[in-house]
Amino acid sequence: MRSFLPENLDLNGKVLLVTGGTGSFGKKFIKAVFDKYEPAKVIVFSRDELKQYEMAQEFPDAKYPAIRFFIGDVRDRDRLIMAMRGVDYVIHAAALKHVPIAEYNPMECIRTNIMGAENVVLASIAAGVKKVVALSTDKAANPINLYGASKLASDKVFVAANNLSGRNGTRFSVVRYGNVVGSRGSVVPFFERMIREGATSLPITDERMTRFWITLEQGVNFVLSSLEMMDGGEIFVPRIPSMKMTDLAKAMAPELGYHVIGIRPGEKLHEVMVPHDDGRNTLLYEDRYIIEPSLSFWTRESYLAKGATSAPEEFYYSSDGNDEWLDAAGLHEMLRISKAA
């Protein structure tokens, strides 16, 4: 299992801001930063004061003296600009992510995921932030639901933002990865709860369905290593395994059966992280794929010097066409790592 650890990233004495910092990723990311580095300050930017209060209990001042909690919404550009004063790096994790809820509340999804992305970009440039990494999703590639479409638009905003900031200004890149084992909203804790409550079978939306899987620790390391190596404008995609949802159900509860409930609104059979049309602009690296931007200043030489190679003309990366598959032992190892972290 790949670690995606950064090699030479130095966050000592730096100021970081994480939008949506009270979520599963934000908490894990901030813990990893304090475990590995001595940052001058890490700002948790989010809109829910209860979640900030609860997070403050998990991250006490005695152990995490450099954490600051900042109430704000990515929909509010002025508040973002105020929060980003003196910030070196921004990790943009705030989003409305629930597929069916986004389908039924489209304008709320658009205001947060697209207009919020624009606000993060403009606030980062105004505040003189050095680098911004925005978290995306596999659902942004060839989207069929509003959440995916809004994140595709967000990705485009962050890539194009490099044209706004100038050659020596803020650099923006995107990280796109799949389902996180054990995160809030993941099917794994949902299945675990059903098993604890005595379910006789587990619900599967379609027997053909496949998904990419990554641990939260891998996701955090992938963001950190992408922050280290980014030139600006790239979309980084990790090389991670796929698993059929029926195999996931069998691995989690081999004694139980499953029943098919049908695909939910906006749900795909398989996920794509590098579409066919992006394949010709993709570099293959040892632990990731790098989708190149169409930016005048961008060149691939720095990545070729690190050992990257051009993808074949017809290259694409999808959960059903993956060459790396997760078995029951691999899933349980990912679950063990997720719960031990």
C-alpha atoms as a PDB file:
ATOM      1  CA  MET A   1       0.000   0.000   0.000  1.00  0.00           C
ATOM      2  CA  ARG A   2       1.502   3.306  -1.117  1.00  0.00           C
ATOM      3  CA  SER A   3       2.213   5.892   1.582  1.00  0.00           C
ATOM      4  CA  PHE A   4       2.432   9.047  -0.629  1.00  0.00           C
ATOM      5  CA  LEU A   5       4.707  10.624   1.987  1.00  0.00           C
ATOM      6  CA  PRO A   6       6.392  13.926   1.042  1.00  0.00           C
ATOM      7  CA  GLU A   7      10.173  13.773   0.800  1.00  0.00           C
ATOM      8  CA  ASN A   8      11.454  17.275   1.519  1.00  0.00           C
ATOM      9  CA  LEU A   9       8.445  19.384   2.497  1.00  0.00           C
ATOM     10  CA  ASP A  10       9.242  21.897   5.247  1.00  0.00           C
ATOM     11  CA  LEU A  11       6.292  23.422   7.101  1.00  0.00           C
ATOM     12  CA  ASN A  12       8.311  24.521  10.119  1.00  0.00           C
ATOM     13  CA  GLY A  13       7.488  28.117  10.966  1.00  0.00           C
ATOM     14  CA  LYS A  14       4.822  28.311   8.247  1.00  0.00           C
ATOM     15  CA  VAL A  15       1.211  29.455   8.578  1.00  0.00           C
ATOM     16  CA  LEU A  16      -1.473  27.168   7.126  1.00  0.00           C
ATOM     17  CA  LEU A  17      -5.216  27.590   6.729  1.00  0.00           C
ATOM     18  CA  VAL A  18      -7.610  24.681   6.156  1.00  0.00           C
ATOM     19  CA  THR A  19     -11.116  25.461   4.928  1.00  0.00           C
ATOM     20  CA  GLY A  20     -13.617  22.920   6.206  1.00  0.00           C
ATOM     21  CA  GLY A  21     -11.008  22.087   8.814  1.00  0.00           C
ATOM     22  CA  THR A  22     -13.420  20.394  11.255  1.00  0.00           C
ATOM     23  CA  GLY A  23     -14.171  17.531   8.845  1.00  0.00           C
ATOM     24  CA  SER A  24     -12.552  14.092   8.771  1.00  0.00           C
ATOM     25  CA  PHE A  25      -9.816  15.220   6.409  1.00  0.00           C
ATOM     26  CA  GLY A  26      -9.163  18.494   8.228  1.00  0.00           C
ATOM     27  CA  LYS A  27      -8.674  16.839  11.591  1.00  0.00           C
ATOM     28  CA  LYS A  28      -6.369  14.176  10.203  1.00  0.00           C
ATOM     29  CA  PHE A  29      -4.426  16.701   8.144  1.00  0.00           C
ATOM     30  CA  ILE A  30      -3.872  19.046  11.081  1.00  0.00           C
ATOM     31  CA  LYS A  31      -2.802  16.191  13.353  1.00  0.00           C
ATOM     32  CA  ALA A  32      -0.309  15.019  10.709  1.00  0.00           C
ATOM     33  CA  VAL A  33       1.098  18.538  10.327  1.00  0.00           C
ATOM     34  CA  PHE A  34       1.742  18.830  14.069  1.00  0.00           C
ATOM     35  CA  ASP A  35       3.167  15.303  14.244  1.00  0.00           C
ATOM     36  CA  LYS A  36       5.693  15.991  11.465  1.00  0.00           C
ATOM     37  CA  TYR A  37       6.410  19.733  11.701  1.00  0.00           C
ATOM     38  CA  GLU A  38       6.394  22.786  13.955  1.00  0.00           C
ATOM     39  CA  PRO A  39       4.138  25.242  12.137  1.00  0.00           C
ATOM     40  CA  ALA A  40       3.851  28.809  13.356  1.00  0.00           C
ATOM     41  CA  LYS A  41       0.057  28.625  13.079  1.00  0.00           C
ATOM     42  CA  VAL A  42      -2.672  26.394  11.658  1.00  0.00           C
ATOM     43  CA  ILE A  43      -6.028  28.087  11.118  1.00  0.00           C
ATOM     44  CA  VAL A  44      -9.238  26.050  11.096  1.00  0.00           C
ATOM     45  CA  PHE A  45     -11.689  27.954   8.899  1.00  0.00           C
ATOM     46  CA  SER A  46     -15.270  26.650   9.036  1.00  0.00           C
ATOM     47  CA  ARG A  47     -18.817  27.838   9.691  1.00  0.00           C
ATOM     48  CA  ASP A  48     -20.047  25.502  12.456  1.00  0.00           C
ATOM     49  CA  GLU A  49     -19.127  26.747  15.938  1.00  0.00           C
ATOM     50  CA  LEU A  50     -20.241  23.488  17.597  1.00  0.00           C
ATOM     51  CA  LYS A  51     -17.835  21.452  15.473  1.00  0.00           C
ATOM     52  CA  GLN A  52     -15.082  23.938  16.257  1.00  0.00           C
ATOM     53  CA  TYR A  53     -15.844  23.692  19.967  1.00  0.00           C
ATOM     54  CA  GLU A  54     -15.768  19.882  19.821  1.00  0.00           C
ATOM     55  CA  MET A  55     -12.550  19.911  17.799  1.00  0.00           C
ATOM     56  CA  ALA A  56     -10.933  22.211  20.358  1.00  0.00           C
ATOM     57  CA  GLN A  57     -11.534  19.492  22.975  1.00  0.00           C
ATOM     58  CA  GLU A  58      -9.778  16.948  20.745  1.00  0.00           C
ATOM     59  CA  PHE A  59      -6.873  19.328  20.045  1.00  0.00           C
ATOM     60  CA  PRO A  60      -6.051  20.917  23.442  1.00  0.00           C
ATOM     61  CA  ASP A  61      -3.798  23.966  23.665  1.00  0.00           C
ATOM     62  CA  ALA A  62      -1.208  22.057  25.670  1.00  0.00           C
ATOM     63  CA  LYS A  63      -0.469  19.768  22.723  1.00  0.00           C
ATOM     64  CA  TYR A  64      -1.552  21.979  19.816  1.00  0.00           C
ATOM     65  CA  PRO A  65      -0.722  25.549  20.894  1.00  0.00           C
ATOM     66  CA  ALA A  66      -0.564  26.902  17.347  1.00  0.00           C
ATOM     67  CA  ILE A  67      -4.145  26.042  16.323  1.00  0.00           C
ATOM     68  CA  ARG A  68      -6.520  28.953  15.760  1.00  0.00           C
ATOM     69  CA  PHE A  69     -10.240  28.577  15.127  1.00  0.00           C
ATOM     70  CA  PHE A  70     -11.810  31.058  12.722  1.00  0.00           C
ATOM     71  CA  ILE A  71     -15.570  31.093  12.142  1.00  0.00           C
ATOM     72  CA  GLY A  72     -16.379  31.842   8.523  1.00  0.00           C
ATOM     73  CA  ASP A  73     -17.956  30.564   5.326  1.00  0.00           C
ATOM     74  CA  VAL A  74     -16.245  30.167   1.952  1.00  0.00           C
ATOM     75  CA  ARG A  75     -19.264  32.000   0.528  1.00  0.00           C
ATOM     76  CA  ASP A  76     -17.989  35.153   2.294  1.00  0.00           C
ATOM     77  CA  ARG A  77     -14.957  36.513   0.417  1.00  0.00           C
ATOM     78  CA  ASP A  78     -14.256  39.347   2.853  1.00  0.00           C
ATOM     79  CA  ARG A  79     -14.111  36.934   5.755  1.00  0.00           C
ATOM     80  CA  LEU A  80     -11.708  34.704   3.808  1.00  0.00           C
ATOM     81  CA  ILE A  81      -9.430  37.638   3.051  1.00  0.00           C
ATOM     82  CA  MET A  82      -9.347  38.523   6.742  1.00  0.00           C
ATOM     83  CA  ALA A  83      -8.579  34.912   7.730  1.00  0.00           C
ATOM     84  CA  MET A  84      -5.776  34.576   5.156  1.00  0.00           C
ATOM     85  CA  ARG A  85      -3.663  37.502   6.330  1.00  0.00           C
ATOM     86  CA  GLY A  86      -0.102  36.204   6.770  1.00  0.00           C
ATOM     87  CA  VAL A  87      -0.986  32.697   5.558  1.00  0.00           C
ATOM     88  CA  ASP A  88       1.604  30.774   3.526  1.00  0.00           C
ATOM     89  CA  TYR A  89      -0.426  27.756   2.405  1.00  0.00           C
ATOM     90  CA  VAL A  90      -4.148  27.070   2.030  1.00  0.00           C
ATOM     91  CA  ILE A  91      -5.748  23.626   1.858  1.00  0.00           C
ATOM     92  CA  HIS A  92      -9.281  23.969   0.522  1.00  0.00           C
ATOM     93  CA  ALA A  93     -11.379  21.085   1.860  1.00  0.00           C
ATOM     94  CA  ALA A  94     -14.733  22.815   2.408  1.00  0.00           C
ATOM     95  CA  ALA A  95     -17.537  21.513   0.174  1.00  0.00           C
ATOM     96  CA  LEU A  96     -21.088  20.219   0.104  1.00  0.00           C
ATOM     97  CA  LYS A  97     -20.399  16.568  -0.728  1.00  0.00           C
ATOM     98  CA  HIS A  98     -23.557  14.482  -0.345  1.00  0.00           C
ATOM     99  CA  VAL A  99     -24.720  13.439  -3.838  1.00  0.00           C
ATOM    100  CA  PRO A 100     -28.512  13.088  -3.294  1.00  0.00           C
ATOM    101  CA  ILE A 101     -28.679  16.206  -1.101  1.00  0.00           C
ATOM    102  CA  ALA A 102     -26.886  18.204  -3.809  1.00  0.00           C
ATOM    103  CA  GLU A 103     -29.383  16.906  -6.390  1.00  0.00           C
ATOM    104  CA  TYR A 104     -32.291  18.271  -4.350  1.00  0.00           C
ATOM    105  CA  ASN A 105     -30.559  21.475  -3.222  1.00  0.00           C
ATOM    106  CA  PRO A 106     -28.644  22.532  -6.344  1.00  0.00           C
ATOM    107  CA  MET A 107     -28.195  26.235  -5.637  1.00  0.00           C
ATOM    108  CA  GLU A 108     -26.724  25.576  -2.184  1.00  0.00           C
ATOM    109  CA  CYS A 109     -24.225  23.187  -3.748  1.00  0.00           C
ATOM    110  CA  ILE A 110     -23.287  25.747  -6.416  1.00  0.00           C
ATOM    111  CA  ARG A 111     -22.875  28.586  -3.886  1.00  0.00           C
ATOM    112  CA  THR A 112     -20.459  26.593  -1.754  1.00  0.00           C
ATOM    113  CA  ASN A 113     -18.591  24.458  -4.282  1.00  0.00           C
ATOM    114  CA  ILE A 114     -18.252  26.885  -7.210  1.00  0.00           C
ATOM    115  CA  MET A 115     -18.723  30.393  -5.854  1.00  0.00           C
ATOM    116  CA  GLY A 116     -16.814  29.348  -2.738  1.00  0.00           C
ATOM    117  CA  ALA A 117     -13.928  28.204  -4.962  1.00  0.00           C
ATOM    118  CA  GLU A 118     -13.854  31.604  -6.658  1.00  0.00           C
ATOM    119  CA  ASN A 119     -13.782  33.300  -3.247  1.00  0.00           C
ATOM    120  CA  VAL A 120     -10.885  31.128  -2.062  1.00  0.00           C
ATOM    121  CA  VAL A 121      -8.951  31.973  -5.242  1.00  0.00           C
ATOM    122  CA  LEU A 122      -9.494  35.733  -5.046  1.00  0.00           C
ATOM    123  CA  ALA A 123      -8.887  35.872  -1.291  1.00  0.00           C
ATOM    124  CA  SER A 124      -5.643  33.874  -1.650  1.00  0.00           C
ATOM    125  CA  ILE A 125      -4.357  36.234  -4.345  1.00  0.00           C
ATOM    126  CA  ALA A 126      -5.380  39.306  -2.333  1.00  0.00           C
ATOM    127  CA  ALA A 127      -3.656  37.973   0.804  1.00  0.00           C
ATOM    128  CA  GLY A 128      -0.465  36.916  -1.012  1.00  0.00           C
ATOM    129  CA  VAL A 129      -0.754  33.210  -0.149  1.00  0.00           C
ATOM    130  CA  LYS A 130       2.127  31.206  -1.673  1.00  0.00           C
ATOM    131  CA  LYS A 131       0.361  27.923  -2.545  1.00  0.00           C
ATOM    132  CA  VAL A 132      -3.201  26.576  -2.541  1.00  0.00           C
ATOM    133  CA  VAL A 133      -4.181  22.914  -2.875  1.00  0.00           C
ATOM    134  CA  ALA A 134      -7.878  22.273  -3.511  1.00  0.00           C
ATOM    135  CA  LEU A 135      -9.413  18.894  -2.763  1.00  0.00           C
ATOM    136  CA  SER A 136     -11.504  17.446  -5.568  1.00  0.00           C
ATOM    137  CA  THR A 137     -13.248  14.102  -6.079  1.00  0.00           C
ATOM    138  CA  ASP A 138     -13.392  11.270  -8.582  1.00  0.00           C
ATOM    139  CA  LYS A 139     -16.969  12.392  -9.238  1.00  0.00           C
ATOM    140  CA  ALA A 140     -15.592  15.535 -10.953  1.00  0.00           C
ATOM    141  CA  ALA A 141     -14.358  13.468 -13.916  1.00  0.00           C
ATOM    142  CA  ASN A 142     -17.112  12.866 -16.496  1.00  0.00           C
ATOM    143  CA  PRO A 143     -19.728  14.015 -13.941  1.00  0.00           C
ATOM    144  CA  ILE A 144     -23.327  12.862 -14.045  1.00  0.00           C
ATOM    145  CA  ASN A 145     -24.443  14.452 -10.767  1.00  0.00           C
ATOM    146  CA  LEU A 146     -24.473  18.041  -9.566  1.00  0.00           C
ATOM    147  CA  TYR A 147     -21.866  17.438  -6.883  1.00  0.00           C
ATOM    148  CA  GLY A 148     -19.433  16.109  -9.495  1.00  0.00           C
ATOM    149  CA  ALA A 149     -20.295  18.901 -11.938  1.00  0.00           C
ATOM    150  CA  SER A 150     -19.784  21.545  -9.256  1.00  0.00           C
ATOM    151  CA  LYS A 151     -16.404  20.072  -8.326  1.00  0.00           C
ATOM    152  CA  LEU A 152     -15.381  19.921 -11.990  1.00  0.00           C
ATOM    153  CA  ALA A 153     -16.220  23.633 -12.221  1.00  0.00           C
ATOM    154  CA  SER A 154     -14.245  24.188  -9.009  1.00  0.00           C
ATOM    155  CA  ASP A 155     -11.248  22.320 -10.477  1.00  0.00           C
ATOM    156  CA  LYS A 156     -11.396  24.543 -13.576  1.00  0.00           C
ATOM    157  CA  VAL A 157     -11.521  27.648 -11.377  1.00  0.00           C
ATOM    158  CA  PHE A 158      -8.412  26.612  -9.438  1.00  0.00           C
ATOM    159  CA  VAL A 159      -6.424  25.614 -12.529  1.00  0.00           C
ATOM    160  CA  ALA A 160      -7.283  28.853 -14.354  1.00  0.00           C
ATOM    161  CA  ALA A 161      -6.513  30.879 -11.225  1.00  0.00           C
ATOM    162  CA  ASN A 162      -2.813  30.551 -12.048  1.00  0.00           C
ATOM    163  CA  ASN A 163      -3.439  32.954 -14.959  1.00  0.00           C
ATOM    164  CA  LEU A 164      -4.901  35.517 -12.559  1.00  0.00           C
ATOM    165  CA  SER A 165      -2.082  35.437 -10.046  1.00  0.00           C
ATOM    166  CA  GLY A 166       0.764  36.130 -12.475  1.00  0.00           C
ATOM    167  CA  ARG A 167       4.015  34.268 -12.967  1.00  0.00           C
ATOM    168  CA  ASN A 168       5.326  34.914  -9.453  1.00  0.00           C
ATOM    169  CA  GLY A 169       2.020  35.055  -7.582  1.00  0.00           C
ATOM    170  CA  THR A 170      -0.069  32.452  -5.768  1.00  0.00           C
ATOM    171  CA  ARG A 171       0.137  28.959  -7.242  1.00  0.00           C
ATOM    172  CA  PHE A 172      -2.973  26.760  -7.319  1.00  0.00           C
ATOM    173  CA  SER A 173      -3.236  22.993  -7.839  1.00  0.00           C
ATOM    174  CA  VAL A 174      -5.898  20.317  -7.376  1.00  0.00           C
ATOM    175  CA  VAL A 175      -5.845  16.889  -5.734  1.00  0.00           C
ATOM    176  CA  ARG A 176      -8.444  14.378  -6.949  1.00  0.00           C
ATOM    177  CA  TYR A 177      -8.963  11.029  -5.207  1.00  0.00           C
ATOM    178  CA  GLY A 178     -11.629   8.434  -4.500  1.00  0.00           C
ATOM    179  CA  ASN A 179     -13.658   7.161  -1.562  1.00  0.00           C
ATOM    180  CA  VAL A 180     -11.980   7.408   1.832  1.00  0.00           C
ATOM    181  CA  VAL A 181     -12.218   4.310   4.023  1.00  0.00           C
ATOM    182  CA  GLY A 182     -13.949   5.189   7.282  1.00  0.00           C
ATOM    183  CA  SER A 183     -14.644   8.859   6.578  1.00  0.00           C
ATOM    184  CA  ARG A 184     -17.941  10.486   7.453  1.00  0.00           C
ATOM    185  CA  GLY A 185     -20.506   9.575   4.814  1.00  0.00           C
ATOM    186  CA  SER A 186     -18.517   6.559   3.606  1.00  0.00           C
ATOM    187  CA  VAL A 187     -20.349   3.279   3.077  1.00  0.00           C
ATOM    188  CA  VAL A 188     -17.897   1.500   5.407  1.00  0.00           C
ATOM    189  CA  PRO A 189     -19.102   3.007   8.736  1.00  0.00           C
ATOM    190  CA  PHE A 190     -22.667   2.683   7.417  1.00  0.00           C
ATOM    191  CA  PHE A 191     -22.173  -1.062   6.875  1.00  0.00           C
ATOM    192  CA  GLU A 192     -20.418  -1.374  10.246  1.00  0.00           C
ATOM    193  CA  ARG A 193     -23.390   0.218  12.002  1.00  0.00           C
ATOM    194  CA  MET A 194     -25.835  -2.076  10.202  1.00  0.00           C
ATOM    195  CA  ILE A 195     -23.786  -5.116  11.185  1.00  0.00           C
ATOM    196  CA  ARG A 196     -23.682  -3.999  14.847  1.00  0.00           C
ATOM    197  CA  GLU A 197     -27.449  -3.472  14.816  1.00  0.00           C
ATOM    198  CA  GLY A 198     -28.086  -7.012  13.615  1.00  0.00           C
ATOM    199  CA  ALA A 199     -28.837  -6.566   9.913  1.00  0.00           C
ATOM    200  CA  THR A 200     -29.543  -9.771   8.040  1.00  0.00           C
ATOM    201  CA  SER A 201     -28.219  -8.430   4.717  1.00  0.00           C
ATOM    202  CA  LEU A 202     -26.435  -5.341   3.417  1.00  0.00           C
ATOM    203  CA  PRO A 203     -27.872  -2.963   0.785  1.00  0.00           C
ATOM    204  CA  ILE A 204     -26.046  -2.757  -2.560  1.00  0.00           C
ATOM    205  CA  THR A 205     -27.208  -0.276  -5.179  1.00  0.00           C
ATOM    206  CA  ASP A 206     -25.957  -2.350  -8.134  1.00  0.00           C
ATOM    207  CA  GLU A 207     -24.008  -5.617  -8.320  1.00  0.00           C
ATOM    208  CA  ARG A 208     -21.695  -4.238 -11.033  1.00  0.00           C
ATOM    209  CA  MET A 209     -20.634  -1.154  -9.054  1.00  0.00           C
ATOM    210  CA  THR A 210     -16.925  -0.474  -8.388  1.00  0.00           C
ATOM    211  CA  ARG A 211     -15.156   2.262  -6.441  1.00  0.00           C
ATOM    212  CA  PHE A 212     -11.624   3.550  -5.779  1.00  0.00           C
ATOM    213  CA  TRP A 213     -10.465   3.340  -2.151  1.00  0.00           C
ATOM    214  CA  ILE A 214      -7.880   5.268  -0.144  1.00  0.00           C
ATOM    215  CA  THR A 215      -7.210   5.660   3.577  1.00  0.00           C
ATOM    216  CA  LEU A 216      -7.471   9.039   5.265  1.00  0.00           C
ATOM    217  CA  GLU A 217      -3.774   8.865   6.146  1.00  0.00           C
ATOM    218  CA  GLN A 218      -2.899   8.239   2.488  1.00  0.00           C
ATOM    219  CA  GLY A 219      -5.124  11.146   1.449  1.00  0.00           C
ATOM    220  CA  VAL A 220      -3.394  13.508   3.880  1.00  0.00           C
ATOM    221  CA  ASN A 221       0.068  12.390   2.762  1.00  0.00           C
ATOM    222  CA  PHE A 222      -0.972  12.740  -0.865  1.00  0.00           C
ATOM    223  CA  VAL A 223      -2.040  16.341  -0.277  1.00  0.00           C
ATOM    224  CA  LEU A 224       1.205  17.114   1.560  1.00  0.00           C
ATOM    225  CA  SER A 225       3.386  15.577  -1.169  1.00  0.00           C
ATOM    226  CA  SER A 226       1.362  17.367  -3.868  1.00  0.00           C
ATOM    227  CA  LEU A 227       1.863  20.652  -1.981  1.00  0.00           C
ATOM    228  CA  GLU A 228       5.597  19.921  -2.022  1.00  0.00           C
ATOM    229  CA  MET A 229       5.952  19.086  -5.725  1.00  0.00           C
ATOM    230  CA  MET A 230       3.330  21.350  -7.375  1.00  0.00           C
ATOM    231  CA  ASP A 231       4.302  23.912 -10.009  1.00  0.00           C
ATOM    232  CA  GLY A 232       0.748  25.267 -10.331  1.00  0.00           C
ATOM    233  CA  GLY A 233      -2.193  24.150 -12.456  1.00  0.00           C
ATOM    234  CA  GLU A 234      -1.768  20.391 -12.145  1.00  0.00           C
ATOM    235  CA  ILE A 235      -4.439  17.931 -11.093  1.00  0.00           C
ATOM    236  CA  PHE A 236      -2.799  15.201  -9.018  1.00  0.00           C
ATOM    237  CA  VAL A 237      -4.435  11.748  -9.020  1.00  0.00           C
ATOM    238  CA  PRO A 238      -3.138   8.959  -6.742  1.00  0.00           C
ATOM    239  CA  ARG A 239      -2.632   5.402  -7.956  1.00  0.00           C
ATOM    240  CA  ILE A 240      -4.977   3.505  -5.624  1.00  0.00           C
ATOM    241  CA  PRO A 241      -6.898   0.199  -5.752  1.00  0.00           C
ATOM    242  CA  SER A 242     -10.483  -0.473  -6.790  1.00  0.00           C
ATOM    243  CA  MET A 243     -13.019  -2.840  -5.255  1.00  0.00           C
ATOM    244  CA  LYS A 244     -16.416  -4.155  -6.292  1.00  0.00           C
ATOM    245  CA  MET A 245     -19.106  -3.114  -3.830  1.00  0.00           C
ATOM    246  CA  THR A 246     -20.353  -6.699  -3.617  1.00  0.00           C
ATOM    247  CA  ASP A 247     -16.817  -7.792  -2.618  1.00  0.00           C
ATOM    248  CA  LEU A 248     -16.691  -5.025  -0.029  1.00  0.00           C
ATOM    249  CA  ALA A 249     -19.961  -6.235   1.520  1.00  0.00           C
ATOM    250  CA  LYS A 250     -18.726  -9.848   1.558  1.00  0.00           C
ATOM    251  CA  ALA A 251     -15.387  -8.815   3.088  1.00  0.00           C
ATOM    252  CA  MET A 252     -17.057  -6.860   5.881  1.00  0.00           C
ATOM    253  CA  ALA A 253     -19.725  -9.475   6.685  1.00  0.00           C
ATOM    254  CA  PRO A 254     -19.007 -12.805   4.978  1.00  0.00           C
ATOM    255  CA  GLU A 255     -21.839 -14.458   6.893  1.00  0.00           C
ATOM    256  CA  LEU A 256     -24.421 -12.007   5.581  1.00  0.00           C
ATOM    257  CA  GLY A 257     -25.923 -11.682   2.144  1.00  0.00           C
ATOM    258  CA  TYR A 258     -26.753  -8.483   0.287  1.00  0.00           C
ATOM    259  CA  HIS A 259     -29.821  -7.115  -1.424  1.00  0.00           C
ATOM    260  CA  VAL A 260     -29.977  -4.753  -4.401  1.00  0.00           C
ATOM    261  CA  ILE A 261     -31.791  -1.464  -3.780  1.00  0.00           C
ATOM    262  CA  GLY A 262     -31.081   0.359  -7.061  1.00  0.00           C
ATOM    263  CA  ILE A 263     -28.838   3.266  -7.939  1.00  0.00           C
ATOM    264  CA  ARG A 264     -29.516   6.509  -6.056  1.00  0.00           C
ATOM    265  CA  PRO A 265     -30.088   9.826  -7.848  1.00  0.00           C
ATOM    266  CA  GLY A 266     -26.840  10.995  -9.456  1.00  0.00           C
ATOM    267  CA  GLU A 267     -24.900   7.812  -8.660  1.00  0.00           C
ATOM    268  CA  LYS A 268     -22.466   6.157 -11.120  1.00  0.00           C
ATOM    269  CA  LEU A 269     -21.749   2.482 -11.683  1.00  0.00           C
ATOM    270  CA  HIS A 270     -18.000   3.199 -11.887  1.00  0.00           C
ATOM    271  CA  GLU A 271     -15.852   6.187 -11.066  1.00  0.00           C
ATOM    272  CA  VAL A 272     -13.320   7.859 -13.356  1.00  0.00           C
ATOM    273  CA  MET A 273     -10.354   9.939 -12.204  1.00  0.00           C
ATOM    274  CA  VAL A 274      -8.613  10.531 -15.539  1.00  0.00           C
ATOM    275  CA  PRO A 275     -11.069  10.669 -18.480  1.00  0.00           C
ATOM    276  CA  HIS A 276     -10.051   9.586 -21.992  1.00  0.00           C
ATOM    277  CA  ASP A 277      -9.823  13.168 -23.203  1.00  0.00           C
ATOM    278  CA  ASP A 278      -7.387  14.074 -20.417  1.00  0.00           C
ATOM    279  CA  GLY A 279      -5.230  11.000 -21.051  1.00  0.00           C
ATOM    280  CA  ARG A 280      -3.142  12.680 -23.746  1.00  0.00           C
ATOM    281  CA  ASN A 281      -2.297  15.462 -21.276  1.00  0.00           C
ATOM    282  CA  THR A 282      -1.383  13.131 -18.426  1.00  0.00           C
ATOM    283  CA  LEU A 283       2.008  12.227 -16.996  1.00  0.00           C
ATOM    284  CA  LEU A 284       2.667   8.879 -15.330  1.00  0.00           C
ATOM    285  CA  TYR A 285       4.644   9.094 -12.110  1.00  0.00           C
ATOM    286  CA  GLU A 286       5.697   6.369  -9.691  1.00  0.00           C
ATOM    287  CA  ASP A 287       2.761   6.796  -7.290  1.00  0.00           C
ATOM    288  CA  ARG A 288       0.405   9.178  -9.123  1.00  0.00           C
ATOM    289  CA  TYR A 289      -0.913  10.576 -12.373  1.00  0.00           C
ATOM    290  CA  ILE A 290      -0.522  14.278 -13.162  1.00  0.00           C
ATOM    291  CA  ILE A 291      -3.048  15.931 -15.486  1.00  0.00           C
ATOM    292  CA  GLU A 292      -1.266  18.835 -17.141  1.00  0.00           C
ATOM    293  CA  PRO A 293      -2.923  22.241 -17.429  1.00  0.00           C
ATOM    294  CA  SER A 294      -3.226  24.308 -20.605  1.00  0.00           C
ATOM    295  CA  LEU A 295      -1.288  27.251 -19.197  1.00  0.00           C
ATOM    296  CA  SER A 296       1.226  29.301 -21.173  1.00  0.00           C
ATOM    297  CA  PHE A 297       3.862  29.220 -18.438  1.00  0.00           C
ATOM    298  CA  TRP A 298       3.530  25.523 -17.617  1.00  0.00           C
ATOM    299  CA  THR A 299       6.102  23.025 -18.839  1.00  0.00           C
ATOM    300  CA  ARG A 300       6.515  19.347 -18.071  1.00  0.00           C
ATOM    301  CA  GLU A 301      10.317  19.410 -17.867  1.00  0.00           C
ATOM    302  CA  SER A 302      10.465  19.470 -14.063  1.00  0.00           C
ATOM    303  CA  TYR A 303       8.376  16.303 -13.884  1.00  0.00           C
ATOM    304  CA  LEU A 304      10.234  14.562 -16.698  1.00  0.00           C
ATOM    305  CA  ALA A 305      13.439  15.249 -14.769  1.00  0.00           C
ATOM    306  CA  LYS A 306      11.899  13.464 -11.774  1.00  0.00           C
ATOM    307  CA  GLY A 307      11.153  10.355 -13.836  1.00  0.00           C
ATOM    308  CA  ALA A 308       7.621  11.028 -15.074  1.00  0.00           C
ATOM    309  CA  THR A 309       6.627   9.753 -18.512  1.00  0.00           C
ATOM    310  CA  SER A 310       3.858  10.654 -20.956  1.00  0.00           C
ATOM    311  CA  ALA A 311       0.700   8.550 -20.785  1.00  0.00           C
ATOM    312  CA  PRO A 312      -0.357   6.596 -23.893  1.00  0.00           C
ATOM    313  CA  GLU A 313      -2.715   8.390 -26.263  1.00  0.00           C
ATOM    314  CA  GLU A 314      -5.748   6.332 -25.199  1.00  0.00           C
ATOM    315  CA  PHE A 315      -4.963   6.352 -21.483  1.00  0.00           C
ATOM    316  CA  TYR A 316      -7.754   6.689 -18.948  1.00  0.00           C
ATOM    317  CA  TYR A 317      -8.130   5.733 -15.290  1.00  0.00           C
ATOM    318  CA  SER A 318     -11.404   4.273 -14.045  1.00  0.00           C
ATOM    319  CA  SER A 319     -12.425   2.099 -11.114  1.00  0.00           C
ATOM    320  CA  ASP A 320     -13.608  -0.761 -13.366  1.00  0.00           C
ATOM    321  CA  GLY A 321     -10.553  -0.624 -15.672  1.00  0.00           C
ATOM    322  CA  ASN A 322      -7.998  -0.400 -12.866  1.00  0.00           C
ATOM    323  CA  ASP A 323      -5.019  -2.772 -12.834  1.00  0.00           C
ATOM    324  CA  GLU A 324      -4.899  -2.767  -9.018  1.00  0.00           C
ATOM    325  CA  TRP A 325      -7.691  -4.442  -7.034  1.00  0.00           C
ATOM    326  CA  LEU A 326      -8.427  -4.645  -3.337  1.00  0.00           C
ATOM    327  CA  ASP A 327      -9.197  -8.039  -1.802  1.00  0.00           C
ATOM    328  CA  ALA A 328     -10.702  -8.795   1.615  1.00  0.00           C
ATOM    329  CA  ALA A 329      -7.278  -8.890   3.317  1.00  0.00           C
ATOM    330  CA  GLY A 330      -6.344  -5.554   1.758  1.00  0.00           C
ATOM    331  CA  LEU A 331      -9.617  -3.951   2.855  1.00  0.00           C
ATOM    332  CA  HIS A 332      -9.203  -5.157   6.439  1.00  0.00           C
ATOM    333  CA  GLU A 333      -5.644  -3.803   6.467  1.00  0.00           C
ATOM    334  CA  MET A 334      -6.919  -0.402   5.325  1.00  0.00           C
ATOM    335  CA  LEU A 335      -9.611  -0.514   8.015  1.00  0.00           C
ATOM    336  CA  ARG A 336      -7.029  -1.454  10.647  1.00  0.00           C
ATOM    337  CA  ILE A 337      -4.794   1.457   9.656  1.00  0.00           C
ATOM    338  CA  SER A 338      -7.749   3.857   9.580  1.00  0.00           C
ATOM    339  CA  LYS A 339      -8.911   2.879  13.065  1.00  0.00           C
ATOM    340  CA  ALA A 340      -5.402   2.880  14.557  1.00  0.00           C
ATOM    341  CA  ALA A 341      -4.639   6.362  13.259  1.00  0.00           C
END
